[in-house]
Amino acid sequence: MHPALQSIRRRIVLEGPLTVATVMEEALAGRNGYYRDHDPLGPEGDFITAPEVSQMFGELIGLWCVDTWQRLGAPEHFHLVEMGPGRGTLMADALRAARVSAAFLKAKQLHLVEINAALKAKQAERLADHHPTWHESLDGVPAGPMILIANELFDALPIHQLQMTAQGWRERVVALDGEHLQFGLAAPSAALGLLRPAHKQAVDGAIAEVSPASIALVDAIAQRIVTEGGAALIIDYGPAESGLGDSFQALKRHKYHLPLESLGEADLTAHVDFGALAAAAVEAGAQVFGPTAQGDFLRALGIELRANMLAQKADAATGELLHAQVHRLIAPEQMGRLFKVIGLAGPQLDSERLGGLAGL
């Protein structure tokens, strides 16, 4: 039995049924959590993210960063921050593309927010020339202007699930039935206060998902860029507007599993509520751009043109691979529609657009 599962079972015995959020937190980021000690990425891992699909993804993000830095007035010093940087692939590709601006590279101070020791080692090797500093959370990044990137981070932040019943909303919890974990219902927690107007349409049996952790993080990012200056780019999968539905799932060896099957051994995720993120950022005083479908965002940044340019210099097989990579990133039936992009900026940025994203 995985140590994370043992810990969850022990907590249920001692504390009673746990919220879905508590189970996610323990299974993913707890002392023996899934994200603590191994590399989950790539064909030999459990999932593949966009930077691992194609170098063009990170390169376009790098050009977005340069453009955004210029829109912010090209501060002489700023913090370039990535939260959940994986193997450092996105940032390495981004900084290679950013060589179009020597001033940008000179001004940036690289910060990586990471809790996984194995991934830190790979980031250190890949990004050694840029002298990164690591932090356990955003709080560790020093004061000052900031450009922040978060790709497939919010989907792994803990969610609460609330289920409508004849008696009103109830919290979905995880309990023990003998030796087996199972879902149950309990009185709602304080997460009930995060329900959105769209959730009022719920009928008996409907499930709403809210994420206090996501709201707290986007609020911290927004407040930071409002007071210190800067911008943020958040890329993840989920609906553009808040809605109802059960999206809690596990992913192991590139296959979906029931979320309680392999706690500690599988990635646990839920769709990101971009409507809730946007509302929280606006409330914190930030400008919001998007959300926009990833396919539209990457097209606006010129990914098809970039692929054609690279293909012209490559052999036929490489050219086909490049176009297959672009298709995976932007096609509606692949990552193009489900994945969304949202940009945040402080009031210092005077623009109706932010690198391919239109303002709200």
Protein backbone atom coordinates (compact mmCIF):
# COMPACT_ATOMS: atom_id res chain seq x y z
CA MET A 1 0.00 0.00 0.00
CA HIS A 2 1.36 3.42 -0.97
CA PRO A 3 2.36 5.58 2.05
CA ALA A 4 0.04 8.38 0.91
CA LEU A 5 -2.91 5.98 0.89
CA GLN A 6 -1.90 4.70 4.31
CA SER A 7 -1.87 8.27 5.60
CA ILE A 8 -5.32 8.99 4.15
CA ARG A 9 -6.80 5.82 5.66
CA ARG A 10 -5.25 6.63 9.03
CA ARG A 11 -6.68 10.16 8.95
CA ILE A 12 -10.16 8.85 8.14
CA VAL A 13 -9.98 6.48 11.13
CA LEU A 14 -8.88 9.31 13.41
CA GLU A 15 -10.85 12.26 11.98
CA GLY A 16 -13.78 10.72 10.15
CA PRO A 17 -14.61 11.16 6.45
CA LEU A 18 -12.35 13.62 4.59
CA THR A 19 -13.31 16.17 1.98
CA VAL A 20 -12.19 15.57 -1.60
CA ALA A 21 -9.90 18.59 -1.19
CA THR A 22 -8.15 17.02 1.81
CA VAL A 23 -7.68 13.73 -0.03
CA MET A 24 -6.23 15.52 -3.06
CA GLU A 25 -3.85 17.56 -0.91
CA GLU A 26 -2.62 14.50 0.99
CA ALA A 27 -2.32 12.27 -2.08
CA LEU A 28 -0.54 14.83 -4.25
CA ALA A 29 1.45 17.20 -2.05
CA GLY A 30 1.55 15.49 1.34
CA ARG A 31 4.74 14.16 2.88
CA ASN A 32 4.62 11.04 0.69
CA GLY A 33 2.51 12.59 -2.07
CA TYR A 34 2.59 11.85 -5.77
CA TYR A 35 4.28 15.16 -6.64
CA ARG A 36 7.00 14.87 -4.01
CA ASP A 37 9.50 12.35 -5.25
CA HIS A 38 9.25 11.20 -8.86
CA ASP A 39 9.04 12.46 -12.42
CA PRO A 40 5.48 11.89 -13.71
CA LEU A 41 6.08 13.32 -17.19
CA GLY A 42 6.74 11.79 -20.58
CA PRO A 43 5.99 8.49 -22.34
CA GLU A 44 7.38 6.52 -19.39
CA GLY A 45 5.39 8.57 -16.89
CA ASP A 46 1.70 9.24 -16.45
CA PHE A 47 1.00 12.24 -18.69
CA ILE A 48 2.51 14.61 -21.24
CA THR A 49 2.11 18.39 -21.10
CA ALA A 50 2.19 20.84 -24.00
CA PRO A 51 5.88 21.81 -23.59
CA GLU A 52 6.77 18.12 -23.98
CA VAL A 53 4.65 17.89 -27.15
CA SER A 54 6.60 20.55 -29.03
CA GLN A 55 9.36 23.08 -28.43
CA MET A 56 7.24 25.60 -30.32
CA PHE A 57 4.89 25.88 -27.34
CA GLY A 58 7.61 27.13 -25.00
CA GLU A 59 9.19 29.28 -27.69
CA LEU A 60 5.93 31.17 -28.24
CA ILE A 61 5.50 31.61 -24.48
CA GLY A 62 9.01 33.08 -24.40
CA LEU A 63 8.14 35.58 -27.11
CA TRP A 64 4.92 36.37 -25.22
CA CYS A 65 7.05 37.13 -22.14
CA VAL A 66 9.34 39.47 -24.09
CA ASP A 67 6.35 41.29 -25.58
CA THR A 68 4.67 41.57 -22.19
CA TRP A 69 7.86 42.87 -20.58
CA GLN A 70 8.01 45.58 -23.23
CA ARG A 71 4.32 46.44 -22.69
CA LEU A 72 5.11 46.81 -18.98
CA GLY A 73 7.70 49.46 -19.78
CA ALA A 74 10.73 47.12 -19.93
CA PRO A 75 11.62 47.27 -16.21
CA GLU A 76 15.37 47.14 -15.59
CA HIS A 77 14.92 44.23 -13.18
CA PHE A 78 12.01 41.82 -12.90
CA HIS A 79 11.23 38.32 -11.67
CA LEU A 80 10.45 35.68 -14.28
CA VAL A 81 8.50 33.05 -12.35
CA GLU A 82 7.23 29.63 -13.36
CA MET A 83 5.01 27.67 -11.01
CA GLY A 84 5.14 23.92 -11.51
CA PRO A 85 7.93 24.01 -14.13
CA GLY A 86 8.09 20.25 -14.72
CA ARG A 87 11.43 19.28 -16.22
CA GLY A 88 12.20 22.90 -17.10
CA THR A 89 11.29 22.24 -20.73
CA LEU A 90 8.91 25.17 -21.18
CA MET A 91 11.27 27.64 -19.55
CA ALA A 92 14.32 26.40 -21.46
CA ASP A 93 12.47 26.78 -24.76
CA ALA A 94 11.08 30.16 -23.69
CA LEU A 95 14.46 31.57 -22.76
CA ARG A 96 16.01 30.29 -25.99
CA ALA A 97 13.38 32.19 -27.96
CA ALA A 98 13.84 35.23 -25.72
CA ARG A 99 17.35 35.68 -27.06
CA VAL A 100 15.73 38.06 -29.55
CA SER A 101 15.99 40.56 -26.67
CA ALA A 102 19.31 40.69 -24.85
CA ALA A 103 17.86 43.40 -22.59
CA PHE A 104 15.04 41.07 -21.49
CA LEU A 105 17.49 38.31 -20.59
CA LYS A 106 19.69 40.73 -18.68
CA ALA A 107 16.74 42.15 -16.75
CA LYS A 108 15.16 38.84 -15.73
CA GLN A 109 15.81 36.98 -12.50
CA LEU A 110 14.55 33.40 -12.81
CA HIS A 111 12.46 31.87 -10.02
CA LEU A 112 10.93 28.37 -10.02
CA VAL A 113 8.19 27.30 -7.63
CA GLU A 114 8.62 23.54 -7.23
CA ILE A 115 8.18 20.90 -4.49
CA ASN A 116 9.49 17.85 -6.38
CA ALA A 117 13.14 17.02 -5.68
CA ALA A 118 13.55 14.85 -8.78
CA LEU A 119 12.20 17.59 -11.05
CA LYS A 120 14.32 20.25 -9.34
CA ALA A 121 17.43 18.30 -10.35
CA LYS A 122 16.33 18.23 -13.99
CA GLN A 123 15.44 21.92 -13.91
CA ALA A 124 18.86 22.73 -12.45
CA GLU A 125 20.60 20.87 -15.26
CA ARG A 126 18.50 22.33 -18.05
CA LEU A 127 18.45 25.93 -16.78
CA ALA A 128 21.91 26.18 -15.23
CA ASP A 129 22.97 29.07 -17.48
CA HIS A 130 20.11 31.19 -16.11
CA HIS A 131 20.90 30.63 -12.41
CA PRO A 132 17.38 29.90 -11.13
CA THR A 133 16.26 30.22 -7.53
CA TRP A 134 13.78 27.70 -6.16
CA HIS A 135 10.86 28.27 -3.80
CA GLU A 136 8.24 26.06 -2.15
CA SER A 137 5.54 28.67 -2.81
CA LEU A 138 4.96 32.03 -4.46
CA ASP A 139 5.50 33.70 -1.09
CA GLY A 140 9.22 33.05 -1.43
CA VAL A 141 9.63 35.17 -4.57
CA PRO A 142 11.09 38.58 -3.60
CA ALA A 143 9.18 41.81 -4.09
CA GLY A 144 9.33 43.51 -7.46
CA PRO A 145 7.77 43.38 -10.93
CA MET A 146 6.93 39.85 -12.01
CA ILE A 147 5.98 37.90 -15.12
CA LEU A 148 4.52 34.57 -14.03
CA ILE A 149 3.78 31.43 -16.05
CA ALA A 150 1.62 28.56 -14.77
CA ASN A 151 1.00 25.74 -17.24
CA GLU A 152 -1.13 22.83 -16.00
CA LEU A 153 -0.80 23.83 -12.37
CA PHE A 154 -4.32 24.80 -11.31
CA ASP A 155 -5.87 21.49 -12.43
CA ALA A 156 -3.98 19.74 -9.62
CA LEU A 157 -5.02 22.14 -6.85
CA PRO A 158 -7.52 20.64 -4.39
CA ILE A 159 -11.23 20.96 -5.08
CA HIS A 160 -14.31 20.56 -2.92
CA GLN A 161 -17.24 18.73 -4.45
CA LEU A 162 -20.73 19.77 -3.43
CA GLN A 163 -23.74 17.67 -4.38
CA MET A 164 -27.32 18.89 -4.57
CA THR A 165 -29.80 16.75 -2.64
CA ALA A 166 -33.46 17.05 -1.64
CA GLN A 167 -32.16 18.68 1.57
CA GLY A 168 -29.91 21.15 -0.30
CA TRP A 169 -26.16 21.16 -0.88
CA ARG A 170 -24.04 18.50 0.80
CA GLU A 171 -20.28 18.02 0.81
CA ARG A 172 -18.94 15.00 -1.02
CA VAL A 173 -16.48 13.20 1.27
CA VAL A 174 -14.28 10.11 1.23
CA ALA A 175 -14.98 7.47 3.87
CA LEU A 176 -13.92 3.91 4.69
CA ASP A 177 -16.26 1.00 4.05
CA GLY A 178 -14.35 -1.84 5.64
CA GLU A 179 -11.08 -1.91 3.72
CA HIS A 180 -12.32 0.16 0.79
CA LEU A 181 -12.56 3.89 0.22
CA GLN A 182 -15.88 5.20 -0.99
CA PHE A 183 -17.64 8.51 -1.54
CA GLY A 184 -20.27 9.73 0.88
CA LEU A 185 -22.09 12.95 1.79
CA ALA A 186 -21.75 15.22 4.81
CA ALA A 187 -22.76 18.71 5.89
CA PRO A 188 -21.24 21.34 3.58
CA SER A 189 -18.03 23.10 4.55
CA ALA A 190 -17.16 26.78 4.22
CA ALA A 191 -16.49 26.01 0.53
CA LEU A 192 -20.24 26.45 0.06
CA GLY A 193 -19.56 30.20 0.01
CA LEU A 194 -17.64 29.86 -3.25
CA LEU A 195 -20.60 28.64 -5.30
CA ARG A 196 -21.07 30.72 -8.45
CA PRO A 197 -24.36 32.03 -9.92
CA ALA A 198 -24.28 29.25 -12.53
CA HIS A 199 -24.51 26.67 -9.76
CA LYS A 200 -27.97 27.89 -8.79
CA GLN A 201 -29.40 25.84 -11.67
CA ALA A 202 -28.45 22.60 -9.90
CA VAL A 203 -31.01 19.79 -9.73
CA ASP A 204 -30.99 16.79 -7.41
CA GLY A 205 -27.77 14.82 -7.90
CA ALA A 206 -25.85 17.63 -9.64
CA ILE A 207 -22.26 18.25 -8.53
CA ALA A 208 -20.51 21.60 -8.23
CA GLU A 209 -16.75 21.88 -7.86
CA VAL A 210 -15.09 24.80 -6.09
CA SER A 211 -11.44 25.30 -5.26
CA PRO A 212 -10.53 27.58 -2.36
CA ALA A 213 -6.86 26.79 -3.07
CA SER A 214 -7.17 28.02 -6.66
CA ILE A 215 -9.00 31.18 -5.62
CA ALA A 216 -6.40 31.90 -2.94
CA LEU A 217 -3.53 31.43 -5.41
CA VAL A 218 -5.00 33.57 -8.18
CA ASP A 219 -5.82 36.22 -5.58
CA ALA A 220 -2.20 36.18 -4.38
CA ILE A 221 -0.90 36.44 -7.97
CA ALA A 222 -3.31 39.24 -8.82
CA GLN A 223 -2.59 41.25 -5.68
CA ARG A 224 1.12 40.86 -6.29
CA ILE A 225 1.03 42.18 -9.86
CA VAL A 226 -1.37 44.98 -8.90
CA THR A 227 0.92 46.27 -6.14
CA GLU A 228 4.35 45.38 -7.58
CA GLY A 229 3.63 45.47 -11.30
CA GLY A 230 3.66 42.64 -13.79
CA ALA A 231 1.56 40.06 -15.56
CA ALA A 232 0.67 36.38 -15.40
CA LEU A 233 -0.23 33.70 -17.94
CA ILE A 234 -2.29 30.72 -16.78
CA ILE A 235 -2.82 27.75 -19.13
CA ASP A 236 -4.91 24.77 -18.14
CA TYR A 237 -7.95 22.72 -19.07
CA GLY A 238 -11.52 23.46 -18.13
CA PRO A 239 -14.55 25.54 -19.13
CA ALA A 240 -14.39 29.26 -19.82
CA GLU A 241 -17.45 29.81 -17.61
CA SER A 242 -18.47 28.24 -14.32
CA GLY A 243 -20.81 25.28 -14.53
CA LEU A 244 -21.87 21.98 -13.02
CA GLY A 245 -20.34 18.53 -13.38
CA ASP A 246 -18.00 15.96 -11.85
CA SER A 247 -14.53 16.30 -13.41
CA PHE A 248 -12.49 14.70 -10.60
CA GLN A 249 -10.26 12.07 -12.23
CA ALA A 250 -7.02 10.13 -11.93
CA LEU A 251 -4.41 9.55 -14.62
CA LYS A 252 -1.86 6.75 -14.50
CA ARG A 253 0.31 5.49 -17.37
CA HIS A 254 -1.63 7.76 -19.73
CA LYS A 255 -4.93 6.07 -18.88
CA TYR A 256 -7.84 7.37 -16.83
CA HIS A 257 -8.62 5.65 -13.55
CA LEU A 258 -11.27 6.04 -10.89
CA PRO A 259 -9.89 8.75 -8.58
CA LEU A 260 -9.85 6.63 -5.41
CA GLU A 261 -8.18 3.60 -7.05
CA SER A 262 -4.49 4.48 -6.87
CA LEU A 263 -4.04 7.30 -4.37
CA GLY A 264 -0.40 8.36 -4.20
CA GLU A 265 0.43 6.47 -7.42
CA ALA A 266 -1.65 8.47 -9.92
CA ASP A 267 -2.14 12.10 -10.84
CA LEU A 268 -5.38 13.58 -9.52
CA THR A 269 -6.93 16.48 -11.41
CA ALA A 270 -10.13 18.42 -11.96
CA HIS A 271 -11.19 20.92 -14.58
CA VAL A 272 -10.22 24.50 -13.82
CA ASP A 273 -13.08 26.97 -13.37
CA PHE A 274 -11.75 29.89 -15.42
CA GLY A 275 -14.86 31.95 -14.67
CA ALA A 276 -14.09 31.75 -10.96
CA LEU A 277 -10.40 32.60 -11.53
CA ALA A 278 -11.30 35.63 -13.64
CA ALA A 279 -13.79 36.90 -11.06
CA ALA A 280 -11.25 36.54 -8.24
CA ALA A 281 -8.57 38.37 -10.22
CA VAL A 282 -10.92 41.24 -11.06
CA GLU A 283 -11.93 41.51 -7.40
CA ALA A 284 -8.24 41.81 -6.52
CA GLY A 285 -7.91 44.75 -8.93
CA ALA A 286 -6.16 43.02 -11.83
CA GLN A 287 -6.92 43.39 -15.50
CA VAL A 288 -8.09 40.10 -17.02
CA PHE A 289 -7.49 38.99 -20.61
CA GLY A 290 -9.35 35.94 -21.89
CA PRO A 291 -10.02 33.16 -21.19
CA THR A 292 -9.28 32.09 -24.74
CA ALA A 293 -9.04 28.59 -26.20
CA GLN A 294 -5.43 27.41 -26.40
CA GLY A 295 -5.75 26.82 -30.13
CA ASP A 296 -6.83 30.40 -30.78
CA PHE A 297 -4.10 31.75 -28.49
CA LEU A 298 -1.32 29.80 -30.19
CA ARG A 299 -2.62 30.72 -33.65
CA ALA A 300 -2.60 34.39 -32.62
CA LEU A 301 1.04 34.01 -31.55
CA GLY A 302 1.91 32.50 -34.95
CA ILE A 303 2.42 28.79 -34.25
CA GLU A 304 1.36 27.74 -37.75
CA LEU A 305 3.76 30.19 -39.36
CA ARG A 306 6.52 29.02 -37.02
CA ALA A 307 5.88 25.37 -37.94
CA ASN A 308 5.95 26.17 -41.66
CA MET A 309 9.25 28.02 -41.30
CA LEU A 310 10.83 25.10 -39.44
CA ALA A 311 9.41 22.56 -41.89
CA GLN A 312 10.95 24.37 -44.87
CA LYS A 313 14.40 23.78 -43.37
CA ALA A 314 13.74 20.15 -42.42
CA ASP A 315 13.36 16.82 -44.18
CA ALA A 316 9.91 15.47 -45.04
CA ALA A 317 9.61 13.25 -41.95
CA THR A 318 10.52 16.10 -39.60
CA GLY A 319 8.09 18.39 -41.39
CA GLU A 320 5.27 15.90 -40.88
CA LEU A 321 6.18 15.62 -37.20
CA LEU A 322 6.11 19.39 -36.77
CA HIS A 323 2.64 19.67 -38.28
CA ALA A 324 1.43 16.72 -36.17
CA GLN A 325 2.67 18.52 -33.06
CA VAL A 326 0.86 21.70 -34.01
CA HIS A 327 -2.31 19.72 -34.69
CA ARG A 328 -2.16 18.21 -31.20
CA LEU A 329 -1.74 21.63 -29.61
CA ILE A 330 -4.39 23.58 -31.52
CA ALA A 331 -6.97 21.19 -33.02
CA PRO A 332 -10.38 21.40 -31.31
CA GLU A 333 -10.54 17.61 -30.86
CA GLN A 334 -7.05 17.57 -29.31
CA MET A 335 -5.81 20.25 -26.86
CA GLY A 336 -7.02 23.28 -28.77
CA ARG A 337 -10.49 23.71 -27.28
CA LEU A 338 -10.45 22.04 -23.85
CA PHE A 339 -7.34 23.95 -22.79
CA LYS A 340 -7.82 27.65 -22.03
CA VAL A 341 -5.47 30.58 -21.55
CA ILE A 342 -6.05 33.54 -19.29
CA GLY A 343 -3.81 36.55 -18.76
CA LEU A 344 -3.64 38.88 -15.76
CA ALA A 345 -1.96 42.26 -15.54
CA GLY A 346 -1.65 45.11 -13.11
CA PRO A 347 -3.24 48.49 -13.80
CA GLN A 348 0.13 49.76 -15.03
CA LEU A 349 -0.36 47.93 -18.32
CA ASP A 350 -2.28 50.20 -20.70
CA SER A 351 -3.49 47.89 -23.48
CA GLU A 352 -6.69 46.28 -24.69
CA ARG A 353 -4.79 43.10 -25.52
CA LEU A 354 -2.09 41.04 -23.89
CA GLY A 355 -0.15 39.02 -26.46
CA GLY A 356 -3.00 37.22 -28.22
CA LEU A 357 -5.54 37.69 -25.43
CA ALA A 358 -8.34 40.23 -25.52
CA GLY A 359 -9.38 42.04 -22.35
CA LEU A 360 -12.65 41.34 -20.61
